[in-house]
């Protein structure tokens, strides 16, 4: 089963690196020097997060987070 969670990818001036965060998976994130590197690392972290949750019988949340850009409603 593939899990399709939103990934926030952004540059952090404070940390001087790229950060990828998965809002639906608590504490699941990665950081690095290049966006491509960070996305690859966060996908590995997501897989490990999900495997750990399954092994421990922890609940796996359904992907729900969507940025505000996807929350726009059409007005007729």
PDB file of N, CA and C in Angstrom:
ATOM      1  N   UNK A   1       0.836  -1.170   0.000  1.00  0.00           N
ATOM      2  CA  UNK A   1       0.000   0.000   0.000  1.00  0.00           C
ATOM      3  C   UNK A   1       0.888   1.243   0.000  1.00  0.00           C
ATOM      4  N   UNK A   2       0.629   2.133  -0.943  1.00  0.00           N
ATOM      5  CA  UNK A   2       1.401   3.370  -1.008  1.00  0.00           C
ATOM      6  C   UNK A   2       0.650   4.481  -0.301  1.00  0.00           C
ATOM      7  N   UNK A   3       1.381   5.260   0.456  1.00  0.00           N
ATOM      8  CA  UNK A   3       0.813   6.365   1.213  1.00  0.00           C
ATOM      9  C   UNK A   3       1.161   7.656   0.486  1.00  0.00           C
ATOM     10  N   UNK A   4       0.162   8.494   0.215  1.00  0.00           N
ATOM     11  CA  UNK A   4       0.385   9.738  -0.526  1.00  0.00           C
ATOM     12  C   UNK A   4       0.208  10.933   0.388  1.00  0.00           C
ATOM     13  N   UNK A   5       1.260  11.286   1.085  1.00  0.00           N
ATOM     14  CA  UNK A   5       1.220  12.418   1.999  1.00  0.00           C
ATOM     15  C   UNK A   5       1.832  13.651   1.348  1.00  0.00           C
ATOM     16  N   UNK A   6       1.329  14.802   1.758  1.00  0.00           N
ATOM     17  CA  UNK A   6       1.883  16.074   1.285  1.00  0.00           C
ATOM     18  C   UNK A   6       3.257  16.279   1.919  1.00  0.00           C
ATOM     19  N   UNK A   7       4.183  16.820   1.135  1.00  0.00           N
ATOM     20  CA  UNK A   7       5.518  17.151   1.626  1.00  0.00           C
ATOM     21  C   UNK A   7       5.720  18.647   1.457  1.00  0.00           C
ATOM     22  N   UNK A   8       6.023  19.335   2.550  1.00  0.00           N
ATOM     23  CA  UNK A   8       6.417  20.746   2.494  1.00  0.00           C
ATOM     24  C   UNK A   8       7.919  20.790   2.282  1.00  0.00           C
ATOM     25  N   UNK A   9       8.359  21.481   1.241  1.00  0.00           N
ATOM     26  CA  UNK A   9       9.780  21.631   0.963  1.00  0.00           C
ATOM     27  C   UNK A   9      10.097  23.120   0.962  1.00  0.00           C
ATOM     28  N   UNK A  10      11.056  23.528   1.781  1.00  0.00           N
ATOM     29  CA  UNK A  10      11.371  24.951   1.875  1.00  0.00           C
ATOM     30  C   UNK A  10      12.815  25.169   2.313  1.00  0.00           C
ATOM     31  N   UNK A  11      13.325  26.365   1.988  1.00  0.00           N
ATOM     32  CA  UNK A  11      14.651  26.779   2.430  1.00  0.00           C
ATOM     33  C   UNK A  11      14.531  27.437   3.794  1.00  0.00           C
ATOM     34  N   UNK A  12      15.379  27.071   4.715  1.00  0.00           N
ATOM     35  CA  UNK A  12      15.409  27.669   6.043  1.00  0.00           C
ATOM     36  C   UNK A  12      16.666  28.528   6.181  1.00  0.00           C
ATOM     37  N   UNK A  13      16.469  29.854   6.257  1.00  0.00           N
ATOM     38  CA  UNK A  13      17.613  30.735   6.489  1.00  0.00           C
ATOM     39  C   UNK A  13      18.247  30.450   7.852  1.00  0.00           C
ATOM     40  N   UNK A  14      17.410  30.184   8.829  1.00  0.00           N
ATOM     41  CA  UNK A  14      17.896  29.924  10.189  1.00  0.00           C
ATOM     42  C   UNK A  14      18.831  28.713  10.241  1.00  0.00           C
ATOM     43  N   UNK A  15      18.459  27.652   9.517  1.00  0.00           N
ATOM     44  CA  UNK A  15      19.257  26.425   9.519  1.00  0.00           C
ATOM     45  C   UNK A  15      20.240  26.357   8.357  1.00  0.00           C
ATOM     46  N   UNK A  16      20.106  27.292   7.402  1.00  0.00           N
ATOM     47  CA  UNK A  16      20.957  27.334   6.205  1.00  0.00           C
ATOM     48  C   UNK A  16      20.928  26.017   5.434  1.00  0.00           C
ATOM     49  N   UNK A  17      19.713  25.483   5.249  1.00  0.00           N
ATOM     50  CA  UNK A  17      19.561  24.250   4.486  1.00  0.00           C
ATOM     51  C   UNK A  17      18.114  24.111   4.016  1.00  0.00           C
ATOM     52  N   UNK A  18      17.904  23.150   3.125  1.00  0.00           N
ATOM     53  CA  UNK A  18      16.558  22.805   2.683  1.00  0.00           C
ATOM     54  C   UNK A  18      15.934  21.864   3.707  1.00  0.00           C
ATOM     55  N   UNK A  19      14.635  22.017   3.918  1.00  0.00           N
ATOM     56  CA  UNK A  19      13.905  21.164   4.855  1.00  0.00           C
ATOM     57  C   UNK A  19      12.677  20.609   4.154  1.00  0.00           C
ATOM     58  N   UNK A  20      12.423  19.341   4.368  1.00  0.00           N
ATOM     59  CA  UNK A  20      11.207  18.688   3.900  1.00  0.00           C
ATOM     60  C   UNK A  20      10.476  18.159   5.130  1.00  0.00           C
ATOM     61  N   UNK A  21       9.205  18.484   5.211  1.00  0.00           N
ATOM     62  CA  UNK A  21       8.391  18.091   6.366  1.00  0.00           C
ATOM     63  C   UNK A  21       7.123  17.426   5.861  1.00  0.00           C
ATOM     64  N   UNK A  22       6.679  16.384   6.568  1.00  0.00           N
ATOM     65  CA  UNK A  22       5.445  15.679   6.223  1.00  0.00           C
ATOM     66  C   UNK A  22       4.439  15.957   7.340  1.00  0.00           C
ATOM     67  N   UNK A  23       3.548  16.945   7.153  1.00  0.00           N
ATOM     68  CA  UNK A  23       2.649  17.361   8.233  1.00  0.00           C
ATOM     69  C   UNK A  23       1.761  16.248   8.800  1.00  0.00           C
ATOM     70  N   UNK A  24       1.355  15.292   7.963  1.00  0.00           N
ATOM     71  CA  UNK A  24       0.472  14.220   8.450  1.00  0.00           C
ATOM     72  C   UNK A  24       1.199  13.177   9.292  1.00  0.00           C
ATOM     73  N   UNK A  25       2.513  13.095   9.162  1.00  0.00           N
ATOM     74  CA  UNK A  25       3.296  12.106   9.914  1.00  0.00           C
ATOM     75  C   UNK A  25       4.146  12.854  10.936  1.00  0.00           C
ATOM     76  N   UNK A  26       3.694  12.870  12.160  1.00  0.00           N
ATOM     77  CA  UNK A  26       4.319  13.661  13.216  1.00  0.00           C
ATOM     78  C   UNK A  26       5.824  13.385  13.329  1.00  0.00           C
ATOM     79  N   UNK A  27       6.593  14.442  13.311  1.00  0.00           N
ATOM     80  CA  UNK A  27       8.054  14.415  13.438  1.00  0.00           C
ATOM     81  C   UNK A  27       8.773  13.769  12.254  1.00  0.00           C
ATOM     82  N   UNK A  28       8.112  13.639  11.111  1.00  0.00           N
ATOM     83  CA  UNK A  28       8.752  13.058   9.932  1.00  0.00           C
ATOM     84  C   UNK A  28       9.273  14.195   9.058  1.00  0.00           C
ATOM     85  N   UNK A  29      10.601  14.311   8.977  1.00  0.00           N
ATOM     86  CA  UNK A  29      11.201  15.389   8.200  1.00  0.00           C
ATOM     87  C   UNK A  29      12.628  15.012   7.813  1.00  0.00           C
ATOM     88  N   UNK A  30      13.226  15.838   6.962  1.00  0.00           N
ATOM     89  CA  UNK A  30      14.616  15.651   6.558  1.00  0.00           C
ATOM     90  C   UNK A  30      15.171  17.021   6.194  1.00  0.00           C
ATOM     91  N   UNK A  31      16.503  17.103   6.130  1.00  0.00           N
ATOM     92  CA  UNK A  31      17.134  18.358   5.729  1.00  0.00           C
ATOM     93  C   UNK A  31      18.415  18.061   4.963  1.00  0.00           C
ATOM     94  N   UNK A  32      18.837  19.041   4.152  1.00  0.00           N
ATOM     95  CA  UNK A  32      20.055  18.857   3.382  1.00  0.00           C
ATOM     96  C   UNK A  32      20.385  20.057   2.532  1.00  0.00           C
ATOM     97  N   UNK A  33      21.420  19.903   1.707  1.00  0.00           N
ATOM     98  CA  UNK A  33      21.937  21.005   0.910  1.00  0.00           C
ATOM     99  C   UNK A  33      21.187  21.248  -0.403  1.00  0.00           C
ATOM    100  N   UNK A  34      20.557  20.217  -0.938  1.00  0.00           N
ATOM    101  CA  UNK A  34      19.863  20.367  -2.223  1.00  0.00           C
ATOM    102  C   UNK A  34      18.437  19.828  -2.116  1.00  0.00           C
ATOM    103  N   UNK A  35      17.487  20.463  -2.808  1.00  0.00           N
ATOM    104  CA  UNK A  35      16.088  20.008  -2.735  1.00  0.00           C
ATOM    105  C   UNK A  35      15.920  18.534  -3.127  1.00  0.00           C
ATOM    106  N   UNK A  36      16.633  18.099  -4.172  1.00  0.00           N
ATOM    107  CA  UNK A  36      16.501  16.709  -4.633  1.00  0.00           C
ATOM    108  C   UNK A  36      16.960  15.730  -3.558  1.00  0.00           C
ATOM    109  N   UNK A  37      18.049  16.098  -2.896  1.00  0.00           N
ATOM    110  CA  UNK A  37      18.595  15.264  -1.810  1.00  0.00           C
ATOM    111  C   UNK A  37      17.589  15.167  -0.662  1.00  0.00           C
ATOM    112  N   UNK A  38      17.001  16.291  -0.315  1.00  0.00           N
ATOM    113  CA  UNK A  38      16.065  16.335   0.812  1.00  0.00           C
ATOM    114  C   UNK A  38      14.802  15.531   0.505  1.00  0.00           C
ATOM    115  N   UNK A  39      14.296  15.640  -0.721  1.00  0.00           N
ATOM    116  CA  UNK A  39      13.110  14.858  -1.086  1.00  0.00           C
ATOM    117  C   UNK A  39      13.393  13.362  -1.033  1.00  0.00           C
ATOM    118  N   UNK A  40      14.553  12.948  -1.511  1.00  0.00           N
ATOM    119  CA  UNK A  40      14.918  11.529  -1.440  1.00  0.00           C
ATOM    120  C   UNK A  40      15.011  11.075   0.015  1.00  0.00           C
ATOM    121  N   UNK A  41      15.628  11.888   0.853  1.00  0.00           N
ATOM    122  CA  UNK A  41      15.768  11.535   2.268  1.00  0.00           C
ATOM    123  C   UNK A  41      14.423  11.494   2.994  1.00  0.00           C
ATOM    124  N   UNK A  42      13.537  12.440   2.700  1.00  0.00           N
ATOM    125  CA  UNK A  42      12.251  12.439   3.402  1.00  0.00           C
ATOM    126  C   UNK A  42      11.394  11.254   2.958  1.00  0.00           C
ATOM    127  N   UNK A  43      11.545  10.803   1.728  1.00  0.00           N
ATOM    128  CA  UNK A  43      10.806   9.603   1.289  1.00  0.00           C
ATOM    129  C   UNK A  43      11.293   8.363   2.045  1.00  0.00           C
ATOM    130  N   UNK A  44      12.588   8.297   2.302  1.00  0.00           N
ATOM    131  CA  UNK A  44      13.133   7.206   3.123  1.00  0.00           C
ATOM    132  C   UNK A  44      12.593   7.315   4.547  1.00  0.00           C
ATOM    133  N   UNK A  45      12.566   8.543   5.079  1.00  0.00           N
ATOM    134  CA  UNK A  45      12.040   8.754   6.436  1.00  0.00           C
ATOM    135  C   UNK A  45      10.565   8.380   6.515  1.00  0.00           C
ATOM    136  N   UNK A  46       9.792   8.698   5.470  1.00  0.00           N
ATOM    137  CA  UNK A  46       8.370   8.338   5.457  1.00  0.00           C
ATOM    138  C   UNK A  46       8.198   6.820   5.498  1.00  0.00           C
ATOM    139  N   UNK A  47       8.976   6.123   4.685  1.00  0.00           N
ATOM    140  CA  UNK A  47       8.905   4.660   4.655  1.00  0.00           C
ATOM    141  C   UNK A  47       9.239   4.084   6.029  1.00  0.00           C
ATOM    142  N   UNK A  48      10.287   4.601   6.668  1.00  0.00           N
ATOM    143  CA  UNK A  48      10.679   4.120   7.992  1.00  0.00           C
ATOM    144  C   UNK A  48       9.591   4.441   9.020  1.00  0.00           C
ATOM    145  N   UNK A  49       8.991   5.631   8.937  1.00  0.00           N
ATOM    146  CA  UNK A  49       7.923   6.032   9.852  1.00  0.00           C
ATOM    147  C   UNK A  49       6.753   5.059   9.743  1.00  0.00           C
ATOM    148  N   UNK A  50       6.345   4.773   8.505  1.00  0.00           N
ATOM    149  CA  UNK A  50       5.203   3.874   8.284  1.00  0.00           C
ATOM    150  C   UNK A  50       5.520   2.450   8.730  1.00  0.00           C
ATOM    151  N   UNK A  51       6.712   1.962   8.428  1.00  0.00           N
ATOM    152  CA  UNK A  51       7.101   0.611   8.857  1.00  0.00           C
ATOM    153  C   UNK A  51       7.115   0.503  10.377  1.00  0.00           C
ATOM    154  N   UNK A  52       7.641   1.503  11.049  1.00  0.00           N
ATOM    155  CA  UNK A  52       7.676   1.499  12.507  1.00  0.00           C
ATOM    156  C   UNK A  52       6.268   1.510  13.095  1.00  0.00           C
ATOM    157  N   UNK A  53       5.399   2.325  12.533  1.00  0.00           N
ATOM    158  CA  UNK A  53       4.014   2.378  13.019  1.00  0.00           C
ATOM    159  C   UNK A  53       3.335   1.024  12.862  1.00  0.00           C
ATOM    160  N   UNK A  54       3.546   0.376  11.717  1.00  0.00           N
ATOM    161  CA  UNK A  54       2.947  -0.953  11.489  1.00  0.00           C
ATOM    162  C   UNK A  54       3.496  -1.982  12.472  1.00  0.00           C
ATOM    163  N   UNK A  55       4.803  -1.969  12.671  1.00  0.00           N
ATOM    164  CA  UNK A  55       5.443  -2.930  13.585  1.00  0.00           C
ATOM    165  C   UNK A  55       4.957  -2.774  15.024  1.00  0.00           C
ATOM    166  N   UNK A  56       4.695  -1.547  15.431  1.00  0.00           N
ATOM    167  CA  UNK A  56       4.273  -1.281  16.806  1.00  0.00           C
ATOM    168  C   UNK A  56       2.760  -1.201  16.976  1.00  0.00           C
ATOM    169  N   UNK A  57       2.030  -1.395  15.898  1.00  0.00           N
ATOM    170  CA  UNK A  57       0.572  -1.325  15.973  1.00  0.00           C
ATOM    171  C   UNK A  57       0.041   0.088  16.184  1.00  0.00           C
ATOM    172  N   UNK A  58       0.859   1.083  15.842  1.00  0.00           N
ATOM    173  CA  UNK A  58       0.421   2.471  15.983  1.00  0.00           C
ATOM    174  C   UNK A  58      -0.488   2.849  14.820  1.00  0.00           C
ATOM    175  N   UNK A  59      -1.425   3.758  15.048  1.00  0.00           N
ATOM    176  CA  UNK A  59      -2.315   4.176  13.963  1.00  0.00           C
ATOM    177  C   UNK A  59      -1.553   4.950  12.888  1.00  0.00           C
ATOM    178  N   UNK A  60      -1.934   4.730  11.657  1.00  0.00           N
ATOM    179  CA  UNK A  60      -1.364   5.459  10.528  1.00  0.00           C
ATOM    180  C   UNK A  60      -2.436   6.408  10.017  1.00  0.00           C
ATOM    181  N   UNK A  61      -2.193   7.703  10.136  1.00  0.00           N
ATOM    182  CA  UNK A  61      -3.213   8.658   9.727  1.00  0.00           C
ATOM    183  C   UNK A  61      -3.414   8.661   8.210  1.00  0.00           C
ATOM    184  N   UNK A  62      -4.651   8.882   7.803  1.00  0.00           N
ATOM    185  CA  UNK A  62      -4.935   9.058   6.382  1.00  0.00           C
ATOM    186  C   UNK A  62      -4.335  10.391   5.945  1.00  0.00           C
ATOM    187  N   UNK A  63      -3.794  10.464   4.738  1.00  0.00           N
ATOM    188  CA  UNK A  63      -3.279  11.745   4.253  1.00  0.00           C
ATOM    189  C   UNK A  63      -4.414  12.774   4.208  1.00  0.00           C
ATOM    190  N   UNK A  64      -4.267  13.861   4.972  1.00  0.00           N
ATOM    191  CA  UNK A  64      -5.320  14.871   5.019  1.00  0.00           C
ATOM    192  C   UNK A  64      -4.799  16.271   4.777  1.00  0.00           C
ATOM    193  N   UNK A  65      -3.554  16.538   5.124  1.00  0.00           N
ATOM    194  CA  UNK A  65      -3.030  17.892   5.025  1.00  0.00           C
ATOM    195  C   UNK A  65      -2.947  18.350   3.573  1.00  0.00           C
ATOM    196  N   UNK A  66      -3.471  19.521   3.322  1.00  0.00           N
ATOM    197  CA  UNK A  66      -3.342  20.159   2.022  1.00  0.00           C
ATOM    198  C   UNK A  66      -3.107  21.640   2.261  1.00  0.00           C
ATOM    199  N   UNK A  67      -2.154  22.240   1.560  1.00  0.00           N
ATOM    200  CA  UNK A  67      -1.920  23.672   1.733  1.00  0.00           C
ATOM    201  C   UNK A  67      -3.150  24.478   1.349  1.00  0.00           C
ATOM    202  N   UNK A  68      -3.203  25.711   1.776  1.00  0.00           N
ATOM    203  CA  UNK A  68      -4.355  26.580   1.523  1.00  0.00           C
ATOM    204  C   UNK A  68      -4.670  26.705   0.037  1.00  0.00           C
ATOM    205  N   UNK A  69      -3.691  26.572  -0.819  1.00  0.00           N
ATOM    206  CA  UNK A  69      -3.927  26.700  -2.251  1.00  0.00           C
ATOM    207  C   UNK A  69      -4.966  25.681  -2.750  1.00  0.00           C
ATOM    208  N   UNK A  70      -5.049  24.520  -2.088  1.00  0.00           N
ATOM    209  CA  UNK A  70      -6.004  23.494  -2.491  1.00  0.00           C
ATOM    210  C   UNK A  70      -7.353  23.649  -1.802  1.00  0.00           C
ATOM    211  N   UNK A  71      -7.474  24.587  -0.900  1.00  0.00           N
ATOM    212  CA  UNK A  71      -8.713  24.768  -0.139  1.00  0.00           C
ATOM    213  C   UNK A  71      -9.661  25.776  -0.783  1.00  0.00           C
ATOM    214  N   UNK A  72      -9.282  26.341  -1.898  1.00  0.00           N
ATOM    215  CA  UNK A  72     -10.115  27.338  -2.558  1.00  0.00           C
ATOM    216  C   UNK A  72     -11.411  26.713  -3.040  1.00  0.00           C
ATOM    217  N   UNK A  73     -12.488  27.428  -2.765  1.00  0.00           N
ATOM    218  CA  UNK A  73     -13.798  26.953  -3.236  1.00  0.00           C
ATOM    219  C   UNK A  73     -14.253  27.824  -4.385  1.00  0.00           C
ATOM    220  N   UNK A  74     -14.894  27.204  -5.322  1.00  0.00           N
ATOM    221  CA  UNK A  74     -15.453  27.936  -6.449  1.00  0.00           C
ATOM    222  C   UNK A  74     -16.786  28.508  -6.049  1.00  0.00           C
ATOM    223  N   UNK A  75     -17.010  29.762  -6.334  1.00  0.00           N
ATOM    224  CA  UNK A  75     -18.277  30.415  -6.015  1.00  0.00           C
ATOM    225  C   UNK A  75     -19.060  30.560  -7.302  1.00  0.00           C
ATOM    226  N   UNK A  76     -20.311  30.076  -7.274  1.00  0.00           N
ATOM    227  CA  UNK A  76     -21.146  30.131  -8.485  1.00  0.00           C
ATOM    228  C   UNK A  76     -21.851  31.464  -8.602  1.00  0.00           C
TER     229      UNK A  76
END
